[in-house]
Amino acid sequence: MTSQPSNIVPSAPDQAVPAKPRPPRRQRPDYRHIHRFPLPLPVHPLPPLILHNPLSVISVLLSYLTYFIAPPHDHVHSAYFDLNTSSVHVTDEKTIRALWEMGFFGKGSLSRSEPTWLEQEKTRRGLLGGVTSEEVTRQRRAERRELKLQRARSEKLIIEQRLQAEAAAREGRTLLDAQADLLSTSGVTNGAAITTEKFSVKKARESKFLEARQLAERDREATGKSVRFAPIEGGTADHTVINGRDPSEELAITNEEHLQLSNEEAFFLVYGLGALHIFDHDLKTVLSPTSLLRTLCHHSYSPPRDLSMDLKTDDPFLVSYVVYHHFRSLGWVVRSGVKFGVDYLLYYRGPVFSHAEFAVVVIPSYDHPYWSETKDRKAECARKQSRSWWWFHCVNRVQAQVKKTLVVCYVEIPPPTQMLEAASSSIDIGALLSRYSVRELIIRRWVPNRTRD
């Protein structure tokens, strides 16, 4: 009969862990009301027309008469083109909210998507309640990383205990001797017994919460900082001073964020909707649609081409805008897909309602006989539209991982025309865009164990 080693202490019963109080859930905005308009266009609905009701006919006629006498003012938003970044920027706050809320146009220069830098900055400084979304994401990632480390430590200890038990069984020793050897080799000196209890995420979170609370109480006792009230005449408190900091001394925060529009979005708002005016880099002249087209086409190259050069039917901007205009005309919300390695992402309603369902890759196609008349021209076209299988498999794998359907969009490039070689004021943009055609091809990743007959 062997005695229990002195350094092995039976595990203490689980202490009652107080439930972590849940923070009040922040009420979500009413996105259906905020984004009720799909495009930044003024809408003036007419009253319903009921044929068997003569009063409804009079109401419709009065509405038409009112619009003719005092037509409503159509507000046109403004932006400017930056030559350094080759992109369009919006600085007016009302225009920023209008373009984002009505069609999800643009991206905040200091935000991930929606321009919310000002609210996030106020929340970070403590002027608003709650925490920022970036802090929540950072906290969740830290907790997930810590849980993974704790799980790995628990699994390592369990494996070591099993190996020690097997070695003790082979040598004829008892389990207590094996545990004593494990404590001595693993460096555990606090006398805690090793258990084979299954790792629990809930218990890990509770232990982490208790440890954080103990550290906070220890810091509070060490610093001695508390909340005090600033006395004023009359014996009442006007405001609080937290840790020697007066919130009333906060300076006004200037909104340093602006809305950055892609070139395709800007040209669609100018030419397709007529809801935007874009000034040149001097902020003096409003660029016409044809001048803007030439500017954006030349700036689609790196470095930008000379504005005196003629346009080409396969300019990168023209090819990408044809696809953007195509899907926007079909009612899709088109956003940039650079973070997933594609050209565009297609949303059914918008990024605040659901994830993008389709990922679009744009590839120019040179099927017209003009592009194969000479060997040099044919080789150049083959180089522009060629894609490697390694690239295709990478893109397809990424889209399958994020549960999106890959759409390969082929744009038929028309042969050169004299309308592009003429002056900028004589380009018929509608006739130019009508010469392009778009073909969509859906690609799905084939998994053998999931697509069996």
Protein backbone atom coordinates (compact mmCIF):
# COMPACT_ATOMS: atom_id res chain seq x y z
CA MET A 1 0.00 0.00 0.00
CA THR A 2 1.47 3.31 -1.09
CA SER A 3 0.85 6.67 0.48
CA GLN A 4 -0.23 9.74 -1.43
CA PRO A 5 2.66 12.12 -2.26
CA SER A 6 2.77 15.31 -0.25
CA ASN A 7 2.78 17.59 -3.29
CA ILE A 8 -0.45 16.16 -4.66
CA VAL A 9 -3.42 18.01 -3.22
CA PRO A 10 -6.97 17.00 -4.07
CA SER A 11 -8.66 19.45 -6.33
CA ALA A 12 -10.82 22.02 -4.60
CA PRO A 13 -14.52 22.09 -5.36
CA ASP A 14 -15.60 24.44 -8.06
CA GLN A 15 -16.28 27.89 -6.71
CA ALA A 16 -19.49 29.61 -7.58
CA VAL A 17 -18.72 31.84 -10.51
CA PRO A 18 -20.99 34.87 -10.74
CA ALA A 19 -22.71 35.27 -14.06
CA LYS A 20 -21.13 37.93 -16.22
CA PRO A 21 -23.59 40.76 -16.69
CA ARG A 22 -24.46 41.17 -20.31
CA PRO A 23 -24.10 44.68 -21.68
CA PRO A 24 -27.28 46.21 -23.03
CA ARG A 25 -27.69 45.33 -26.67
CA ARG A 26 -27.46 48.33 -28.91
CA GLN A 27 -30.60 48.94 -30.88
CA ARG A 28 -30.03 48.50 -34.58
CA PRO A 29 -31.03 51.33 -36.91
CA ASP A 30 -34.08 50.92 -39.09
CA TYR A 31 -32.23 50.11 -42.30
CA ARG A 32 -35.43 49.54 -44.23
CA HIS A 33 -36.42 53.15 -43.66
CA ILE A 34 -32.91 54.60 -44.06
CA HIS A 35 -32.27 52.81 -47.36
CA ARG A 36 -35.81 52.93 -48.71
CA PHE A 37 -34.67 54.68 -51.92
CA PRO A 38 -32.55 52.50 -54.22
CA LEU A 39 -31.00 55.44 -56.11
CA PRO A 40 -30.24 59.11 -55.28
CA LEU A 41 -33.05 60.41 -57.45
CA PRO A 42 -35.96 62.61 -56.34
CA VAL A 43 -39.27 60.78 -56.44
CA HIS A 44 -42.60 62.59 -56.70
CA PRO A 45 -45.39 60.00 -56.61
CA LEU A 46 -48.79 60.80 -58.00
CA PRO A 47 -52.02 60.01 -56.16
CA PRO A 48 -53.72 56.75 -57.14
CA LEU A 49 -56.01 56.83 -60.15
CA ILE A 50 -59.37 55.12 -59.68
CA LEU A 51 -61.44 55.14 -62.85
CA HIS A 52 -64.84 54.77 -61.23
CA ASN A 53 -64.05 57.57 -58.77
CA PRO A 54 -64.07 61.03 -60.44
CA LEU A 55 -62.41 62.63 -57.40
CA SER A 56 -59.24 60.63 -58.01
CA VAL A 57 -59.07 61.97 -61.59
CA ILE A 58 -59.33 65.51 -60.25
CA SER A 59 -56.58 64.78 -57.72
CA VAL A 60 -54.23 63.53 -60.44
CA LEU A 61 -54.92 66.57 -62.62
CA LEU A 62 -54.26 68.92 -59.71
CA SER A 63 -50.95 67.17 -59.04
CA TYR A 64 -49.90 67.55 -62.69
CA LEU A 65 -50.92 71.20 -62.65
CA THR A 66 -48.94 71.81 -59.45
CA TYR A 67 -45.82 70.26 -60.97
CA PHE A 68 -46.14 72.41 -64.09
CA ILE A 69 -46.69 75.65 -62.19
CA ALA A 70 -44.11 75.07 -59.45
CA PRO A 71 -41.81 72.22 -60.45
CA PRO A 72 -39.89 70.71 -57.54
CA HIS A 73 -36.23 71.54 -57.28
CA ASP A 74 -33.95 68.63 -58.16
CA HIS A 75 -30.84 68.76 -56.01
CA VAL A 76 -27.65 67.76 -57.83
CA HIS A 77 -24.74 66.67 -55.65
CA SER A 78 -21.16 67.81 -56.16
CA ALA A 79 -17.76 66.10 -56.05
CA TYR A 80 -14.26 66.70 -57.40
CA PHE A 81 -11.72 64.64 -59.29
CA ASP A 82 -8.29 64.22 -57.72
CA LEU A 83 -5.43 63.82 -60.17
CA ASN A 84 -3.08 62.37 -57.54
CA THR A 85 -5.31 59.42 -56.62
CA SER A 86 -7.20 59.22 -59.96
CA SER A 87 -10.49 58.99 -58.06
CA VAL A 88 -13.53 61.09 -57.20
CA HIS A 89 -14.06 62.50 -53.69
CA VAL A 90 -17.09 63.93 -51.90
CA THR A 91 -16.62 66.20 -48.87
CA ASP A 92 -20.12 67.56 -48.22
CA GLU A 93 -21.72 65.66 -45.33
CA LYS A 94 -25.25 65.79 -46.76
CA THR A 95 -24.04 64.48 -50.10
CA ILE A 96 -22.09 61.71 -48.36
CA ARG A 97 -25.15 60.52 -46.46
CA ALA A 98 -27.37 60.81 -49.53
CA LEU A 99 -25.07 58.79 -51.81
CA TRP A 100 -24.54 56.09 -49.19
CA GLU A 101 -28.11 55.77 -47.99
CA MET A 102 -29.58 55.81 -51.51
CA GLY A 103 -27.72 53.16 -53.44
CA PHE A 104 -24.60 52.44 -51.31
CA PHE A 105 -22.27 54.51 -53.47
CA GLY A 106 -18.68 55.09 -52.40
CA LYS A 107 -16.60 54.16 -49.40
CA GLY A 108 -15.48 56.10 -46.34
CA SER A 109 -11.84 57.11 -46.59
CA LEU A 110 -11.27 56.28 -42.90
CA SER A 111 -13.80 53.47 -42.52
CA ARG A 112 -14.14 49.95 -43.84
CA SER A 113 -17.26 50.70 -45.85
CA GLU A 114 -19.90 53.06 -44.46
CA PRO A 115 -18.47 56.51 -43.57
CA THR A 116 -18.84 56.32 -39.76
CA TRP A 117 -15.47 57.63 -38.65
CA LEU A 118 -16.92 60.57 -36.72
CA GLU A 119 -19.24 58.38 -34.63
CA GLN A 120 -16.48 55.86 -34.04
CA GLU A 121 -14.09 58.59 -32.92
CA LYS A 122 -16.64 60.07 -30.51
CA THR A 123 -17.30 56.62 -29.08
CA ARG A 124 -13.58 55.97 -28.71
CA ARG A 125 -13.13 59.22 -26.78
CA GLY A 126 -16.05 58.40 -24.51
CA LEU A 127 -18.39 61.11 -25.75
CA LEU A 128 -20.95 58.52 -26.77
CA GLY A 129 -22.07 55.37 -25.01
CA GLY A 130 -20.97 51.89 -26.00
CA VAL A 131 -17.89 50.73 -27.83
CA THR A 132 -16.83 50.96 -31.44
CA SER A 133 -17.27 48.08 -33.83
CA GLU A 134 -13.50 47.87 -34.30
CA GLU A 135 -13.04 47.43 -30.54
CA VAL A 136 -15.69 44.71 -30.46
CA THR A 137 -13.97 42.88 -33.32
CA ARG A 138 -10.57 43.26 -31.65
CA GLN A 139 -11.94 41.97 -28.35
CA ARG A 140 -13.58 38.96 -29.99
CA ARG A 141 -10.36 38.07 -31.80
CA ALA A 142 -8.36 38.34 -28.58
CA GLU A 143 -10.85 36.13 -26.73
CA ARG A 144 -10.82 33.59 -29.54
CA ARG A 145 -7.03 33.53 -29.56
CA GLU A 146 -6.90 33.07 -25.79
CA LEU A 147 -9.46 30.26 -25.89
CA LYS A 148 -7.46 28.46 -28.54
CA LEU A 149 -4.33 28.72 -26.40
CA GLN A 150 -6.16 27.41 -23.36
CA ARG A 151 -7.58 24.54 -25.37
CA ALA A 152 -4.10 23.67 -26.63
CA ARG A 153 -2.67 23.72 -23.06
CA SER A 154 -5.49 21.53 -21.79
CA GLU A 155 -5.06 19.03 -24.60
CA LYS A 156 -1.30 18.94 -24.04
CA LEU A 157 -1.71 18.22 -20.33
CA ILE A 158 -4.24 15.49 -21.02
CA ILE A 159 -1.92 13.83 -23.53
CA GLU A 160 0.99 14.01 -21.09
CA GLN A 161 -1.15 12.50 -18.34
CA ARG A 162 -2.20 9.62 -20.55
CA LEU A 163 1.40 8.94 -21.55
CA GLN A 164 2.48 8.98 -17.91
CA ALA A 165 -0.35 6.62 -16.98
CA GLU A 166 0.61 4.22 -19.76
CA ALA A 167 4.26 4.33 -18.71
CA ALA A 168 3.28 3.73 -15.08
CA ALA A 169 1.13 0.78 -16.09
CA ARG A 170 4.03 -0.75 -17.97
CA GLU A 171 6.41 -0.24 -15.03
CA GLY A 172 3.90 -1.39 -12.41
CA ARG A 173 3.57 1.97 -10.67
CA THR A 174 0.35 3.59 -9.50
CA LEU A 175 -1.50 6.53 -11.06
CA LEU A 176 -0.57 8.82 -8.16
CA ASP A 177 3.12 8.26 -8.79
CA ALA A 178 2.58 9.09 -12.47
CA GLN A 179 0.78 12.32 -11.53
CA ALA A 180 3.61 13.26 -9.17
CA ASP A 181 6.14 12.78 -11.98
CA LEU A 182 4.02 14.83 -14.34
CA LEU A 183 3.80 17.71 -11.84
CA SER A 184 7.55 17.69 -11.36
CA THR A 185 8.34 17.59 -15.10
CA SER A 186 5.71 20.10 -16.23
CA GLY A 187 6.83 22.77 -13.77
CA VAL A 188 3.53 23.00 -11.86
CA THR A 189 4.42 24.12 -8.35
CA ASN A 190 1.12 25.46 -7.06
CA GLY A 191 -0.14 22.06 -6.04
CA ALA A 192 -3.03 21.96 -8.46
CA ALA A 193 -4.09 18.46 -9.44
CA ILE A 194 -4.35 17.52 -13.07
CA THR A 195 -7.75 16.41 -14.20
CA THR A 196 -8.92 14.85 -17.40
CA GLU A 197 -11.95 17.08 -17.53
CA LYS A 198 -13.01 18.03 -21.02
CA PHE A 199 -12.08 21.57 -22.05
CA SER A 200 -15.00 23.93 -21.67
CA VAL A 201 -15.17 27.26 -23.45
CA LYS A 202 -17.70 28.53 -20.94
CA LYS A 203 -15.45 27.78 -17.98
CA ALA A 204 -12.52 29.38 -19.74
CA ARG A 205 -14.49 32.56 -20.28
CA GLU A 206 -15.63 32.58 -16.65
CA SER A 207 -12.09 32.13 -15.36
CA LYS A 208 -10.85 34.86 -17.67
CA PHE A 209 -13.62 37.18 -16.48
CA LEU A 210 -12.71 36.56 -12.83
CA GLU A 211 -9.04 37.15 -13.53
CA ALA A 212 -9.78 40.42 -15.35
CA ARG A 213 -12.01 41.59 -12.50
CA GLN A 214 -9.36 40.81 -9.91
CA LEU A 215 -6.76 42.73 -11.92
CA ALA A 216 -9.12 45.69 -12.24
CA GLU A 217 -9.79 45.74 -8.50
CA ARG A 218 -6.07 45.51 -7.80
CA ASP A 219 -5.34 48.43 -10.13
CA ARG A 220 -8.14 50.46 -8.59
CA GLU A 221 -6.73 49.93 -5.10
CA ALA A 222 -3.23 50.80 -6.27
CA THR A 223 -4.12 54.00 -8.12
CA GLY A 224 -6.88 55.18 -5.83
CA LYS A 225 -8.67 56.97 -8.66
CA SER A 226 -12.39 57.46 -8.28
CA VAL A 227 -15.24 59.55 -9.52
CA ARG A 228 -15.70 62.85 -7.77
CA PHE A 229 -18.20 65.62 -8.27
CA ALA A 230 -17.15 69.17 -8.91
CA PRO A 231 -18.90 71.40 -6.37
CA ILE A 232 -20.51 74.64 -7.45
CA GLU A 233 -22.34 77.37 -5.69
CA GLY A 234 -25.49 76.09 -4.05
CA GLY A 235 -24.05 72.72 -3.02
CA THR A 236 -25.08 70.77 -6.14
CA ALA A 237 -23.00 69.02 -8.79
CA ASP A 238 -22.87 70.49 -12.25
CA HIS A 239 -20.90 67.73 -13.95
CA THR A 240 -18.61 64.83 -13.12
CA VAL A 241 -14.87 64.64 -13.34
CA ILE A 242 -13.64 61.13 -14.13
CA ASN A 243 -10.00 60.47 -13.34
CA GLY A 244 -9.28 64.18 -13.41
CA ARG A 245 -10.78 64.62 -16.86
CA ASP A 246 -13.65 66.96 -17.54
CA PRO A 247 -15.87 65.93 -20.48
CA SER A 248 -16.90 69.53 -21.02
CA GLU A 249 -13.32 70.34 -21.93
CA GLU A 250 -13.50 68.09 -25.00
CA LEU A 251 -12.87 70.09 -28.12
CA ALA A 252 -15.17 69.85 -31.09
CA ILE A 253 -14.13 66.96 -33.31
CA THR A 254 -13.71 67.87 -36.95
CA ASN A 255 -14.90 65.25 -39.38
CA GLU A 256 -11.77 64.34 -41.34
CA GLU A 257 -13.45 61.65 -43.41
CA HIS A 258 -14.71 62.00 -46.95
CA LEU A 259 -16.47 59.69 -49.37
CA GLN A 260 -14.33 58.16 -52.09
CA LEU A 261 -16.17 57.10 -55.23
CA SER A 262 -14.78 54.65 -57.71
CA ASN A 263 -14.52 55.90 -61.27
CA GLU A 264 -17.33 53.59 -62.39
CA GLU A 265 -19.65 54.81 -59.64
CA ALA A 266 -18.88 58.45 -60.39
CA PHE A 267 -19.52 58.10 -64.12
CA PHE A 268 -22.75 56.19 -63.49
CA LEU A 269 -24.00 58.97 -61.21
CA VAL A 270 -23.05 61.62 -63.78
CA TYR A 271 -24.11 59.97 -67.03
CA GLY A 272 -26.56 57.25 -65.99
CA LEU A 273 -28.52 59.18 -63.35
CA GLY A 274 -27.55 62.84 -63.74
CA ALA A 275 -27.40 63.14 -59.95
CA LEU A 276 -23.80 64.32 -59.62
CA HIS A 277 -21.60 67.16 -60.83
CA ILE A 278 -17.86 66.53 -60.82
CA PHE A 279 -15.44 69.45 -60.77
CA ASP A 280 -11.92 69.29 -62.12
CA HIS A 281 -8.87 69.43 -59.87
CA ASP A 282 -9.06 73.26 -59.80
CA LEU A 283 -12.65 73.14 -58.47
CA LYS A 284 -13.69 75.70 -61.08
CA THR A 285 -15.09 73.81 -64.07
CA VAL A 286 -17.75 71.12 -64.06
CA LEU A 287 -16.67 68.21 -66.23
CA SER A 288 -19.18 67.23 -68.90
CA PRO A 289 -19.95 63.51 -69.33
CA THR A 290 -17.78 63.27 -72.44
CA SER A 291 -14.86 65.12 -70.82
CA LEU A 292 -15.21 62.98 -67.74
CA LEU A 293 -15.21 59.84 -69.89
CA ARG A 294 -11.95 60.80 -71.56
CA THR A 295 -10.38 61.73 -68.22
CA LEU A 296 -11.36 58.47 -66.54
CA CYS A 297 -10.25 56.39 -69.53
CA HIS A 298 -6.81 57.98 -69.56
CA HIS A 299 -6.46 57.61 -65.78
CA SER A 300 -7.33 53.91 -65.92
CA TYR A 301 -3.72 53.27 -66.92
CA SER A 302 -0.70 53.45 -64.64
CA PRO A 303 0.82 55.93 -65.15
CA PRO A 304 -2.06 57.93 -66.69
CA ARG A 305 -1.94 58.51 -70.40
CA ASP A 306 -1.75 61.89 -72.06
CA LEU A 307 -5.19 63.47 -72.51
CA SER A 308 -4.35 64.33 -76.10
CA MET A 309 -4.22 60.67 -77.08
CA ASP A 310 -7.23 58.96 -78.64
CA LEU A 311 -9.41 56.59 -76.70
CA LYS A 312 -9.45 52.84 -77.28
CA THR A 313 -12.44 50.54 -77.20
CA ASP A 314 -10.63 48.21 -74.81
CA ASP A 315 -9.59 50.85 -72.28
CA PRO A 316 -9.76 49.30 -68.77
CA PHE A 317 -12.28 51.87 -67.60
CA LEU A 318 -14.63 51.30 -70.53
CA VAL A 319 -14.56 47.53 -70.06
CA SER A 320 -15.22 47.71 -66.31
CA TYR A 321 -17.87 50.42 -66.64
CA VAL A 322 -19.84 48.38 -69.18
CA VAL A 323 -20.15 45.60 -66.59
CA TYR A 324 -20.97 48.05 -63.79
CA HIS A 325 -23.66 49.76 -65.85
CA HIS A 326 -25.04 46.38 -66.91
CA PHE A 327 -25.62 45.07 -63.39
CA ARG A 328 -26.74 48.43 -61.97
CA SER A 329 -29.36 48.63 -64.70
CA LEU A 330 -30.61 45.20 -63.64
CA GLY A 331 -31.18 46.40 -60.07
CA TRP A 332 -28.12 44.94 -58.36
CA VAL A 333 -26.06 46.88 -55.82
CA VAL A 334 -22.53 46.71 -57.21
CA ARG A 335 -19.59 47.08 -54.85
CA SER A 336 -15.85 46.60 -55.20
CA GLY A 337 -14.64 43.03 -54.72
CA VAL A 338 -10.94 43.70 -54.24
CA LYS A 339 -10.89 42.05 -50.77
CA PHE A 340 -12.00 38.75 -52.36
CA GLY A 341 -9.73 38.96 -55.39
CA VAL A 342 -12.50 39.82 -57.88
CA ASP A 343 -13.69 42.94 -59.66
CA TYR A 344 -17.22 43.36 -58.27
CA LEU A 345 -19.58 42.00 -55.64
CA LEU A 346 -23.32 41.87 -56.32
CA TYR A 347 -25.74 42.54 -53.47
CA TYR A 348 -29.45 41.94 -53.78
CA ARG A 349 -30.37 44.94 -51.60
CA GLY A 350 -27.18 46.22 -50.00
CA PRO A 351 -24.33 45.33 -47.64
CA VAL A 352 -26.33 46.20 -44.50
CA PHE A 353 -29.05 43.66 -45.32
CA SER A 354 -27.15 40.55 -46.41
CA HIS A 355 -23.84 39.31 -47.76
CA ALA A 356 -23.02 39.50 -51.44
CA GLU A 357 -24.34 36.52 -53.35
CA PHE A 358 -22.20 36.77 -56.50
CA ALA A 359 -18.56 37.66 -57.19
CA VAL A 360 -17.83 39.01 -60.68
CA VAL A 361 -14.60 38.72 -62.65
CA VAL A 362 -14.38 40.89 -65.80
CA ILE A 363 -12.49 39.52 -68.81
CA PRO A 364 -12.33 41.27 -72.22
CA SER A 365 -13.21 39.11 -75.21
CA TYR A 366 -11.89 39.77 -78.72
CA ASP A 367 -14.16 37.62 -80.89
CA HIS A 368 -14.70 40.19 -83.62
CA PRO A 369 -12.84 39.34 -86.87
CA TYR A 370 -11.04 42.69 -86.72
CA TRP A 371 -8.92 41.55 -83.77
CA SER A 372 -7.54 38.53 -85.63
CA GLU A 373 -6.65 40.14 -88.96
CA THR A 374 -2.91 40.30 -88.22
CA LYS A 375 -0.65 38.10 -86.13
CA ASP A 376 0.56 40.96 -83.95
CA ARG A 377 -2.97 42.11 -83.21
CA LYS A 378 -4.10 38.54 -82.46
CA ALA A 379 -1.15 37.95 -80.13
CA GLU A 380 -1.80 41.22 -78.30
CA CYS A 381 -5.47 40.38 -77.80
CA ALA A 382 -4.60 36.88 -76.59
CA ARG A 383 -2.24 38.37 -74.03
CA LYS A 384 -4.90 40.76 -72.70
CA GLN A 385 -7.60 38.12 -72.23
CA SER A 386 -5.47 35.19 -71.11
CA ARG A 387 -5.82 33.90 -67.54
CA SER A 388 -3.83 31.06 -66.02
CA TRP A 389 -5.41 28.00 -64.46
CA TRP A 390 -3.56 28.73 -61.23
CA TRP A 391 -5.26 32.12 -61.04
CA PHE A 392 -8.65 30.60 -61.86
CA HIS A 393 -8.39 27.90 -59.19
CA CYS A 394 -7.27 30.42 -56.56
CA VAL A 395 -10.16 32.79 -57.26
CA ASN A 396 -12.70 29.97 -57.40
CA ARG A 397 -11.45 28.48 -54.15
CA VAL A 398 -11.69 31.83 -52.35
CA GLN A 399 -15.27 32.37 -53.52
CA ALA A 400 -16.26 28.85 -52.47
CA GLN A 401 -14.73 29.47 -49.05
CA VAL A 402 -16.78 32.65 -48.51
CA LYS A 403 -19.91 31.05 -50.01
CA LYS A 404 -20.20 33.21 -53.09
CA THR A 405 -20.97 32.20 -56.65
CA LEU A 406 -18.25 33.11 -59.13
CA VAL A 407 -19.49 34.85 -62.27
CA VAL A 408 -17.05 35.21 -65.17
CA CYS A 409 -18.25 38.19 -67.18
CA TYR A 410 -16.97 38.41 -70.77
CA VAL A 411 -17.19 41.81 -72.46
CA GLU A 412 -17.18 41.70 -76.25
CA ILE A 413 -14.80 44.44 -77.40
CA PRO A 414 -15.98 46.18 -80.59
CA PRO A 415 -13.51 47.29 -83.26
CA PRO A 416 -12.18 50.85 -83.16
CA THR A 417 -14.47 53.56 -84.38
CA GLN A 418 -14.03 57.12 -85.54
CA MET A 419 -16.25 58.44 -82.75
CA LEU A 420 -13.41 57.91 -80.27
CA GLU A 421 -10.93 59.71 -82.46
CA ALA A 422 -13.08 62.81 -82.71
CA ALA A 423 -13.21 65.68 -80.31
CA SER A 424 -14.46 65.01 -76.81
CA SER A 425 -17.60 67.10 -77.31
CA SER A 426 -18.80 64.95 -80.21
CA ILE A 427 -18.67 61.51 -78.59
CA ASP A 428 -22.06 59.85 -78.41
CA ILE A 429 -21.74 57.88 -75.17
CA GLY A 430 -25.01 56.01 -75.65
CA ALA A 431 -24.04 54.82 -79.12
CA LEU A 432 -20.59 53.86 -77.86
CA LEU A 433 -21.89 51.76 -74.96
CA SER A 434 -24.51 50.07 -77.16
CA ARG A 435 -21.72 48.48 -79.21
CA TYR A 436 -20.59 46.39 -76.23
CA SER A 437 -22.19 43.11 -75.21
CA VAL A 438 -21.87 41.18 -71.96
CA ARG A 439 -21.90 37.40 -71.43
CA GLU A 440 -22.10 35.87 -67.94
CA LEU A 441 -20.77 32.44 -67.10
CA ILE A 442 -21.33 30.95 -63.62
CA ILE A 443 -18.52 28.77 -62.31
CA ARG A 444 -19.05 26.41 -59.38
CA ARG A 445 -16.36 24.46 -57.59
CA TRP A 446 -16.80 20.74 -58.08
CA VAL A 447 -16.35 18.71 -54.89
CA PRO A 448 -16.45 14.94 -55.57
CA ASN A 449 -17.92 13.87 -52.21
CA ARG A 450 -20.66 16.51 -52.39
CA THR A 451 -21.74 16.34 -56.02
CA ARG A 452 -22.31 12.63 -56.44
CA ASP A 453 -25.30 11.42 -58.46
